[in-house]
Amino acid sequence: MSTSLFVTHIMVSSLNASMQYYETVLGLELARLDTQSRRAHYWLARQGKAMLTLWEMPVRQINPQHFAFYGSVDWVTQLSAQFGQDCASFPYDLLKETMRGPMVFGWMPAVAICFCDPDGHELEFIALLPDPPCPELGVIPYAEWNQQSPQNLDQPSSHQSIIAK
């Protein structure tokens, strides 16, 4: 039985542009560059745990896909704020509406931001929250989740009453 995903290849149209983007936006450190095959390999987390490979292909061979990167709540929320200020990629919610902050998937619950890389791949930064799941809320802004979170309130809220049911 598999316990995790080890390597994912993301097909890109320009290896150099994508390397710069992924190193700047995701903070990835290059593990190996293969100029002959036009691939750049990056360790995720720490060496030997997981790998991401950018693989240059002709544009006609690139089909945009969705990739989610797991991190801490602070990492996701800080990057969301950074995107609003100085990044060419603007985060959006699942309905593709521009957001000014991260969203929460109530059923997990997890905080996330979504955006696109230069080739149109949908990237997601996601972190599990310590709160109990609340699927009835669907997908809501993180700020709204925090207002309803039992950890942040002294009195019952709609979020707390849904959890108590």
N, C-alpha and C. Protein backbone atom coordinates (compact mmCIF):
# COMPACT_ATOMS: atom_id res chain seq x y z
N MET A 1 0.84 -1.19 0.00
CA MET A 1 0.00 0.00 0.00
C MET A 1 0.88 1.25 0.00
N SER A 2 0.54 2.18 -0.83
CA SER A 2 1.28 3.43 -0.89
C SER A 2 0.91 4.32 0.29
N THR A 3 1.89 5.03 0.82
CA THR A 3 1.61 5.92 1.95
C THR A 3 1.74 7.39 1.59
N SER A 4 2.29 7.69 0.39
CA SER A 4 2.39 9.09 -0.02
C SER A 4 2.76 9.18 -1.50
N LEU A 5 2.64 10.35 -2.03
CA LEU A 5 3.06 10.62 -3.40
C LEU A 5 4.51 11.07 -3.35
N PHE A 6 5.37 10.50 -4.19
CA PHE A 6 6.79 10.83 -4.11
C PHE A 6 7.21 11.88 -5.13
N VAL A 7 6.82 11.74 -6.40
CA VAL A 7 7.26 12.70 -7.41
C VAL A 7 6.09 13.06 -8.32
N THR A 8 6.03 14.32 -8.68
CA THR A 8 5.05 14.82 -9.62
C THR A 8 5.78 15.62 -10.67
N HIS A 9 5.43 15.40 -11.93
CA HIS A 9 6.00 16.16 -13.04
C HIS A 9 4.99 17.20 -13.49
N ILE A 10 5.43 18.44 -13.58
CA ILE A 10 4.60 19.51 -14.12
C ILE A 10 5.20 19.91 -15.46
N MET A 11 4.41 19.76 -16.51
CA MET A 11 4.87 20.11 -17.85
C MET A 11 4.79 21.62 -18.02
N VAL A 12 5.88 22.24 -18.49
CA VAL A 12 5.95 23.69 -18.62
C VAL A 12 6.46 24.06 -20.01
N SER A 13 6.12 25.25 -20.45
CA SER A 13 6.53 25.69 -21.79
C SER A 13 7.91 26.32 -21.81
N SER A 14 8.33 26.90 -20.69
CA SER A 14 9.66 27.51 -20.59
C SER A 14 10.27 27.09 -19.26
N LEU A 15 11.27 26.23 -19.33
CA LEU A 15 11.89 25.75 -18.10
C LEU A 15 12.49 26.90 -17.30
N ASN A 16 13.18 27.80 -17.95
CA ASN A 16 13.83 28.91 -17.23
C ASN A 16 12.81 29.80 -16.54
N ALA A 17 11.74 30.18 -17.24
CA ALA A 17 10.70 31.04 -16.64
C ALA A 17 10.00 30.32 -15.50
N SER A 18 9.72 29.02 -15.69
CA SER A 18 9.04 28.26 -14.64
C SER A 18 9.93 28.05 -13.43
N MET A 19 11.21 27.81 -13.66
CA MET A 19 12.13 27.67 -12.52
C MET A 19 12.14 28.95 -11.69
N GLN A 20 12.21 30.07 -12.35
CA GLN A 20 12.21 31.34 -11.62
C GLN A 20 10.91 31.50 -10.85
N TYR A 21 9.79 31.18 -11.47
CA TYR A 21 8.48 31.31 -10.83
C TYR A 21 8.38 30.39 -9.61
N TYR A 22 8.67 29.11 -9.78
CA TYR A 22 8.52 28.16 -8.68
C TYR A 22 9.53 28.41 -7.56
N GLU A 23 10.71 28.87 -7.89
CA GLU A 23 11.69 29.20 -6.85
C GLU A 23 11.27 30.46 -6.08
N THR A 24 10.71 31.43 -6.80
CA THR A 24 10.29 32.67 -6.15
C THR A 24 8.99 32.49 -5.38
N VAL A 25 7.97 31.93 -6.02
CA VAL A 25 6.65 31.83 -5.40
C VAL A 25 6.58 30.73 -4.35
N LEU A 26 7.09 29.55 -4.66
CA LEU A 26 7.02 28.44 -3.71
C LEU A 26 8.25 28.34 -2.82
N GLY A 27 9.30 29.07 -3.17
CA GLY A 27 10.51 29.02 -2.37
C GLY A 27 11.26 27.70 -2.51
N LEU A 28 11.08 27.03 -3.66
CA LEU A 28 11.75 25.75 -3.86
C LEU A 28 13.24 25.94 -4.14
N GLU A 29 14.02 24.98 -3.67
CA GLU A 29 15.45 24.97 -3.93
C GLU A 29 15.76 23.87 -4.92
N LEU A 30 16.51 24.21 -5.93
CA LEU A 30 16.85 23.28 -6.99
C LEU A 30 17.70 22.13 -6.44
N ALA A 31 17.29 20.89 -6.77
CA ALA A 31 18.07 19.72 -6.39
C ALA A 31 18.95 19.27 -7.56
N ARG A 32 18.41 19.33 -8.77
CA ARG A 32 19.18 18.91 -9.94
C ARG A 32 18.57 19.52 -11.20
N LEU A 33 19.41 20.06 -12.04
CA LEU A 33 18.99 20.60 -13.33
C LEU A 33 19.57 19.71 -14.42
N ASP A 34 18.71 19.19 -15.28
CA ASP A 34 19.14 18.36 -16.40
C ASP A 34 18.85 19.16 -17.68
N THR A 35 19.86 19.86 -18.16
CA THR A 35 19.66 20.73 -19.33
C THR A 35 19.40 19.93 -20.60
N GLN A 36 19.93 18.72 -20.68
CA GLN A 36 19.73 17.91 -21.88
C GLN A 36 18.27 17.48 -22.02
N SER A 37 17.66 17.01 -20.95
CA SER A 37 16.26 16.58 -21.01
C SER A 37 15.29 17.71 -20.69
N ARG A 38 15.83 18.88 -20.35
CA ARG A 38 15.03 20.08 -20.01
C ARG A 38 14.12 19.80 -18.81
N ARG A 39 14.74 19.31 -17.73
CA ARG A 39 14.01 19.04 -16.49
C ARG A 39 14.75 19.66 -15.30
N ALA A 40 13.97 20.20 -14.38
CA ALA A 40 14.50 20.72 -13.13
C ALA A 40 13.82 19.97 -11.99
N HIS A 41 14.61 19.39 -11.11
CA HIS A 41 14.10 18.59 -9.99
C HIS A 41 14.24 19.38 -8.69
N TYR A 42 13.19 19.37 -7.89
CA TYR A 42 13.18 20.06 -6.60
C TYR A 42 12.72 19.09 -5.52
N TRP A 43 13.44 19.09 -4.39
CA TRP A 43 12.95 18.35 -3.23
C TRP A 43 11.88 19.19 -2.56
N LEU A 44 10.82 18.55 -2.12
CA LEU A 44 9.78 19.22 -1.33
C LEU A 44 9.99 18.80 0.13
N ALA A 45 9.81 19.73 1.02
CA ALA A 45 10.02 19.50 2.46
C ALA A 45 11.49 19.22 2.70
N ARG A 46 11.88 17.95 2.71
CA ARG A 46 13.29 17.63 2.89
C ARG A 46 13.68 16.52 1.92
N GLN A 47 14.96 16.41 1.68
CA GLN A 47 15.47 15.45 0.71
C GLN A 47 14.98 14.04 1.02
N GLY A 48 14.49 13.38 -0.01
CA GLY A 48 14.05 12.00 0.13
C GLY A 48 12.60 11.81 0.49
N LYS A 49 11.86 12.90 0.76
CA LYS A 49 10.45 12.78 1.15
C LYS A 49 9.50 12.93 -0.04
N ALA A 50 9.74 13.91 -0.88
CA ALA A 50 8.88 14.15 -2.05
C ALA A 50 9.63 15.05 -3.02
N MET A 51 9.27 14.92 -4.30
CA MET A 51 9.97 15.68 -5.33
C MET A 51 8.97 16.26 -6.33
N LEU A 52 9.33 17.42 -6.83
CA LEU A 52 8.58 18.08 -7.90
C LEU A 52 9.55 18.27 -9.06
N THR A 53 9.14 17.89 -10.25
CA THR A 53 9.97 18.06 -11.43
C THR A 53 9.25 18.95 -12.43
N LEU A 54 9.91 20.00 -12.87
CA LEU A 54 9.42 20.83 -13.96
C LEU A 54 10.03 20.27 -15.24
N TRP A 55 9.20 20.00 -16.22
CA TRP A 55 9.64 19.34 -17.44
C TRP A 55 9.18 20.15 -18.64
N GLU A 56 10.14 20.72 -19.36
CA GLU A 56 9.80 21.56 -20.51
C GLU A 56 9.30 20.69 -21.67
N MET A 57 8.16 21.13 -22.21
CA MET A 57 7.52 20.45 -23.34
C MET A 57 7.03 21.49 -24.32
N PRO A 58 6.77 21.10 -25.57
CA PRO A 58 6.12 22.04 -26.50
C PRO A 58 4.74 22.44 -25.96
N VAL A 59 4.34 23.66 -26.20
CA VAL A 59 3.09 24.19 -25.67
C VAL A 59 1.91 23.27 -25.98
N ARG A 60 1.87 22.70 -27.16
CA ARG A 60 0.73 21.86 -27.56
C ARG A 60 0.60 20.60 -26.70
N GLN A 61 1.66 20.23 -25.98
CA GLN A 61 1.64 19.05 -25.13
C GLN A 61 1.30 19.37 -23.67
N ILE A 62 1.05 20.63 -23.38
CA ILE A 62 0.78 21.02 -22.00
C ILE A 62 -0.73 21.11 -21.79
N ASN A 63 -1.21 20.33 -20.84
CA ASN A 63 -2.61 20.37 -20.43
C ASN A 63 -2.65 20.88 -19.00
N PRO A 64 -3.20 22.07 -18.78
CA PRO A 64 -3.23 22.60 -17.41
C PRO A 64 -3.90 21.63 -16.44
N GLN A 65 -3.26 21.47 -15.28
CA GLN A 65 -3.75 20.58 -14.24
C GLN A 65 -3.77 21.32 -12.91
N HIS A 66 -4.25 20.62 -11.87
CA HIS A 66 -4.34 21.18 -10.53
C HIS A 66 -3.32 20.47 -9.63
N PHE A 67 -2.53 21.25 -8.89
CA PHE A 67 -1.55 20.71 -7.95
C PHE A 67 -1.71 21.43 -6.62
N ALA A 68 -1.80 20.69 -5.52
CA ALA A 68 -1.92 21.29 -4.20
C ALA A 68 -0.64 21.04 -3.40
N PHE A 69 -0.16 22.09 -2.75
CA PHE A 69 1.05 22.03 -1.93
C PHE A 69 0.66 22.24 -0.48
N TYR A 70 1.05 21.31 0.38
CA TYR A 70 0.69 21.36 1.79
C TYR A 70 1.72 22.16 2.58
N GLY A 71 1.25 22.94 3.52
CA GLY A 71 2.13 23.72 4.38
C GLY A 71 1.43 24.06 5.68
N SER A 72 1.98 25.01 6.41
CA SER A 72 1.39 25.45 7.67
C SER A 72 0.33 26.51 7.40
N VAL A 73 -0.53 26.71 8.38
CA VAL A 73 -1.56 27.75 8.28
C VAL A 73 -0.90 29.11 8.09
N ASP A 74 0.16 29.38 8.85
CA ASP A 74 0.87 30.66 8.72
C ASP A 74 1.42 30.85 7.31
N TRP A 75 1.99 29.80 6.75
CA TRP A 75 2.55 29.86 5.39
C TRP A 75 1.47 30.23 4.38
N VAL A 76 0.32 29.56 4.45
CA VAL A 76 -0.77 29.82 3.50
C VAL A 76 -1.29 31.24 3.67
N THR A 77 -1.54 31.66 4.89
CA THR A 77 -2.12 32.99 5.10
C THR A 77 -1.12 34.10 4.78
N GLN A 78 0.16 33.89 5.07
CA GLN A 78 1.17 34.91 4.72
C GLN A 78 1.34 35.03 3.22
N LEU A 79 1.35 33.91 2.51
CA LEU A 79 1.46 33.97 1.05
C LEU A 79 0.25 34.64 0.43
N SER A 80 -0.92 34.41 1.01
CA SER A 80 -2.12 35.04 0.50
C SER A 80 -2.01 36.56 0.59
N ALA A 81 -1.51 37.04 1.71
CA ALA A 81 -1.32 38.49 1.88
C ALA A 81 -0.27 39.00 0.91
N GLN A 82 0.81 38.25 0.73
CA GLN A 82 1.87 38.64 -0.19
C GLN A 82 1.36 38.73 -1.62
N PHE A 83 0.52 37.78 -2.03
CA PHE A 83 -0.01 37.80 -3.39
C PHE A 83 -0.80 39.06 -3.65
N GLY A 84 -1.55 39.50 -2.64
CA GLY A 84 -2.35 40.70 -2.81
C GLY A 84 -1.51 41.96 -3.00
N GLN A 85 -0.22 41.89 -2.63
CA GLN A 85 0.62 43.07 -2.69
C GLN A 85 1.61 43.08 -3.84
N ASP A 86 2.32 41.96 -4.05
CA ASP A 86 3.43 42.06 -4.98
C ASP A 86 3.63 40.86 -5.91
N CYS A 87 2.62 40.06 -6.11
CA CYS A 87 2.79 38.89 -6.97
C CYS A 87 1.91 39.02 -8.21
N ALA A 88 2.41 38.56 -9.32
CA ALA A 88 1.65 38.62 -10.56
C ALA A 88 0.49 37.63 -10.57
N SER A 89 0.50 36.64 -9.69
CA SER A 89 -0.58 35.66 -9.60
C SER A 89 -1.55 36.09 -8.51
N PHE A 90 -2.79 36.28 -8.89
CA PHE A 90 -3.79 36.68 -7.92
C PHE A 90 -4.60 35.48 -7.48
N PRO A 91 -4.75 35.27 -6.19
CA PRO A 91 -5.51 34.12 -5.71
C PRO A 91 -6.99 34.26 -6.05
N TYR A 92 -7.66 33.12 -6.17
CA TYR A 92 -9.09 33.11 -6.44
C TYR A 92 -9.71 31.97 -5.66
N ASP A 93 -11.04 32.01 -5.56
CA ASP A 93 -11.72 30.91 -4.87
C ASP A 93 -12.14 29.86 -5.90
N LEU A 94 -12.85 28.87 -5.46
CA LEU A 94 -13.22 27.76 -6.36
C LEU A 94 -14.14 28.20 -7.49
N LEU A 95 -14.80 29.33 -7.33
CA LEU A 95 -15.67 29.85 -8.39
C LEU A 95 -14.90 30.77 -9.33
N LYS A 96 -13.58 30.82 -9.13
CA LYS A 96 -12.68 31.65 -9.95
C LYS A 96 -12.91 33.14 -9.74
N GLU A 97 -13.40 33.49 -8.59
CA GLU A 97 -13.57 34.90 -8.26
C GLU A 97 -12.34 35.35 -7.49
N THR A 98 -11.84 36.54 -7.81
CA THR A 98 -10.68 37.07 -7.10
C THR A 98 -11.01 37.23 -5.62
N MET A 99 -10.11 36.78 -4.78
CA MET A 99 -10.31 36.89 -3.33
C MET A 99 -9.23 37.79 -2.75
N ARG A 100 -9.54 38.43 -1.68
CA ARG A 100 -8.56 39.25 -0.97
C ARG A 100 -7.99 38.52 0.23
N GLY A 101 -8.25 37.24 0.31
CA GLY A 101 -7.74 36.44 1.41
C GLY A 101 -7.99 34.98 1.13
N PRO A 102 -7.46 34.11 1.96
CA PRO A 102 -7.63 32.67 1.75
C PRO A 102 -9.05 32.20 2.04
N MET A 103 -9.36 30.99 1.57
CA MET A 103 -10.68 30.38 1.79
C MET A 103 -10.52 29.17 2.70
N VAL A 104 -11.63 28.71 3.25
CA VAL A 104 -11.65 27.52 4.09
C VAL A 104 -12.63 26.52 3.52
N PHE A 105 -12.17 25.28 3.39
CA PHE A 105 -13.04 24.16 3.05
C PHE A 105 -13.56 23.63 4.37
N GLY A 106 -14.82 23.89 4.67
CA GLY A 106 -15.38 23.53 5.97
C GLY A 106 -15.37 22.05 6.28
N TRP A 107 -15.46 21.20 5.28
CA TRP A 107 -15.56 19.77 5.55
C TRP A 107 -14.26 19.18 6.08
N MET A 108 -13.09 19.82 5.85
CA MET A 108 -11.82 19.24 6.32
C MET A 108 -11.53 19.60 7.77
N PRO A 109 -11.48 20.75 8.27
CA PRO A 109 -11.38 22.03 7.58
C PRO A 109 -9.93 22.33 7.21
N ALA A 110 -9.79 23.09 6.13
CA ALA A 110 -8.46 23.48 5.66
C ALA A 110 -8.53 24.87 5.05
N VAL A 111 -7.48 25.64 5.27
CA VAL A 111 -7.36 26.97 4.68
C VAL A 111 -6.54 26.84 3.41
N ALA A 112 -6.93 27.57 2.35
CA ALA A 112 -6.24 27.42 1.07
C ALA A 112 -6.33 28.69 0.24
N ILE A 113 -5.38 28.81 -0.68
CA ILE A 113 -5.46 29.81 -1.74
C ILE A 113 -5.16 29.09 -3.04
N CYS A 114 -5.79 29.54 -4.11
CA CYS A 114 -5.56 28.98 -5.44
C CYS A 114 -5.13 30.10 -6.38
N PHE A 115 -4.29 29.75 -7.34
CA PHE A 115 -3.80 30.71 -8.33
C PHE A 115 -3.23 29.92 -9.48
N CYS A 116 -2.83 30.58 -10.53
CA CYS A 116 -2.29 29.89 -11.71
C CYS A 116 -0.82 30.22 -11.91
N ASP A 117 -0.08 29.23 -12.41
CA ASP A 117 1.31 29.47 -12.78
C ASP A 117 1.35 30.01 -14.21
N PRO A 118 2.52 30.32 -14.75
CA PRO A 118 2.59 30.92 -16.09
C PRO A 118 2.01 30.05 -17.21
N ASP A 119 1.92 28.72 -17.01
CA ASP A 119 1.35 27.84 -18.03
C ASP A 119 -0.12 27.52 -17.79
N GLY A 120 -0.73 28.15 -16.81
CA GLY A 120 -2.14 27.93 -16.55
C GLY A 120 -2.45 26.78 -15.63
N HIS A 121 -1.43 26.15 -15.05
CA HIS A 121 -1.68 25.11 -14.04
C HIS A 121 -2.27 25.77 -12.82
N GLU A 122 -3.31 25.16 -12.26
CA GLU A 122 -3.90 25.68 -11.03
C GLU A 122 -3.09 25.15 -9.86
N LEU A 123 -2.53 26.07 -9.11
CA LEU A 123 -1.75 25.71 -7.92
C LEU A 123 -2.57 26.06 -6.69
N GLU A 124 -2.45 25.25 -5.68
CA GLU A 124 -3.18 25.48 -4.43
C GLU A 124 -2.20 25.32 -3.28
N PHE A 125 -2.23 26.24 -2.34
CA PHE A 125 -1.50 26.11 -1.09
C PHE A 125 -2.56 25.80 -0.05
N ILE A 126 -2.36 24.74 0.73
CA ILE A 126 -3.39 24.29 1.65
C ILE A 126 -2.78 23.86 2.98
N ALA A 127 -3.52 24.08 4.07
CA ALA A 127 -3.10 23.67 5.41
C ALA A 127 -4.34 23.27 6.21
N LEU A 128 -4.24 22.17 6.91
CA LEU A 128 -5.35 21.74 7.76
C LEU A 128 -5.45 22.66 8.97
N LEU A 129 -6.68 22.94 9.37
CA LEU A 129 -6.94 23.77 10.55
C LEU A 129 -7.20 22.87 11.75
N PRO A 130 -6.95 23.37 12.97
CA PRO A 130 -7.16 22.54 14.16
C PRO A 130 -8.62 22.45 14.58
N ASP A 131 -9.50 23.19 13.95
CA ASP A 131 -10.92 23.21 14.30
C ASP A 131 -11.62 21.93 13.87
N PRO A 132 -12.77 21.64 14.48
CA PRO A 132 -13.55 20.49 14.01
C PRO A 132 -14.17 20.79 12.64
N PRO A 133 -14.41 19.77 11.83
CA PRO A 133 -15.03 19.98 10.52
C PRO A 133 -16.43 20.59 10.65
N CYS A 134 -16.80 21.35 9.64
CA CYS A 134 -18.14 21.94 9.57
C CYS A 134 -18.57 21.99 8.10
N PRO A 135 -18.91 20.82 7.53
CA PRO A 135 -19.22 20.76 6.10
C PRO A 135 -20.40 21.62 5.69
N GLU A 136 -21.28 21.93 6.62
CA GLU A 136 -22.45 22.74 6.30
C GLU A 136 -22.08 24.14 5.82
N LEU A 137 -20.88 24.61 6.17
CA LEU A 137 -20.46 25.95 5.77
C LEU A 137 -19.92 25.99 4.34
N GLY A 138 -19.61 24.83 3.77
CA GLY A 138 -19.09 24.81 2.40
C GLY A 138 -17.70 25.44 2.35
N VAL A 139 -17.51 26.32 1.37
CA VAL A 139 -16.25 27.05 1.19
C VAL A 139 -16.53 28.51 1.53
N ILE A 140 -15.83 29.02 2.54
CA ILE A 140 -16.05 30.39 2.99
C ILE A 140 -14.71 31.11 3.15
N PRO A 141 -14.71 32.43 3.16
CA PRO A 141 -13.45 33.16 3.41
C PRO A 141 -12.87 32.81 4.78
N TYR A 142 -11.55 32.78 4.86
CA TYR A 142 -10.85 32.47 6.10
C TYR A 142 -11.24 33.46 7.21
N ALA A 143 -11.37 34.73 6.86
CA ALA A 143 -11.76 35.74 7.85
C ALA A 143 -13.13 35.40 8.46
N GLU A 144 -14.05 34.94 7.64
CA GLU A 144 -15.37 34.55 8.13
C GLU A 144 -15.27 33.31 9.02
N TRP A 145 -14.45 32.34 8.63
CA TRP A 145 -14.25 31.14 9.45
C TRP A 145 -13.70 31.54 10.82
N ASN A 146 -12.73 32.44 10.84
CA ASN A 146 -12.14 32.86 12.11
C ASN A 146 -13.15 33.55 13.00
N GLN A 147 -14.08 34.30 12.42
CA GLN A 147 -15.12 34.96 13.21
C GLN A 147 -16.06 33.94 13.84
N GLN A 148 -16.22 32.79 13.18
CA GLN A 148 -17.14 31.77 13.67
C GLN A 148 -16.45 30.66 14.44
N SER A 149 -15.13 30.66 14.45
CA SER A 149 -14.36 29.58 15.06
C SER A 149 -14.55 29.53 16.56
N PRO A 150 -14.80 28.34 17.12
CA PRO A 150 -14.95 28.21 18.58
C PRO A 150 -13.72 28.67 19.34
N GLN A 151 -12.54 28.59 18.74
CA GLN A 151 -11.32 29.01 19.43
C GLN A 151 -11.26 30.52 19.63
N ASN A 152 -11.99 31.27 18.81
CA ASN A 152 -11.87 32.72 18.84
C ASN A 152 -13.06 33.43 19.47
N LEU A 153 -14.04 32.68 19.98
CA LEU A 153 -15.23 33.30 20.53
C LEU A 153 -15.48 32.86 21.96
N ASP A 154 -16.05 33.77 22.75
CA ASP A 154 -16.41 33.44 24.13
C ASP A 154 -17.83 32.92 24.22
N GLN A 155 -18.66 33.25 23.23
CA GLN A 155 -20.04 32.81 23.25
C GLN A 155 -20.36 31.98 22.02
N PRO A 156 -21.43 31.18 22.08
CA PRO A 156 -21.75 30.32 20.95
C PRO A 156 -22.01 31.13 19.68
N SER A 157 -21.62 30.56 18.56
CA SER A 157 -21.87 31.16 17.26
C SER A 157 -22.57 30.16 16.38
N SER A 158 -22.90 30.55 15.17
CA SER A 158 -23.53 29.61 14.25
C SER A 158 -22.61 28.43 13.97
N HIS A 159 -21.30 28.68 13.93
CA HIS A 159 -20.34 27.61 13.69
C HIS A 159 -20.36 26.64 14.87
N GLN A 160 -20.38 27.18 16.07
CA GLN A 160 -20.39 26.32 17.24
C GLN A 160 -21.69 25.54 17.33
N SER A 161 -22.82 26.18 17.04
CA SER A 161 -24.08 25.47 17.15
C SER A 161 -24.19 24.37 16.10
N ILE A 162 -23.60 24.56 14.93
CA ILE A 162 -23.62 23.51 13.91
C ILE A 162 -22.78 22.33 14.38
N ILE A 163 -21.65 22.62 14.99
CA ILE A 163 -20.76 21.55 15.49
C ILE A 163 -21.45 20.79 16.61
N ALA A 164 -22.18 21.48 17.46
CA ALA A 164 -22.82 20.85 18.61
C ALA A 164 -23.98 19.94 18.21
N LYS A 165 -24.55 20.15 17.03
CA LYS A 165 -25.70 19.36 16.59
C LYS A 165 -25.34 17.93 16.32
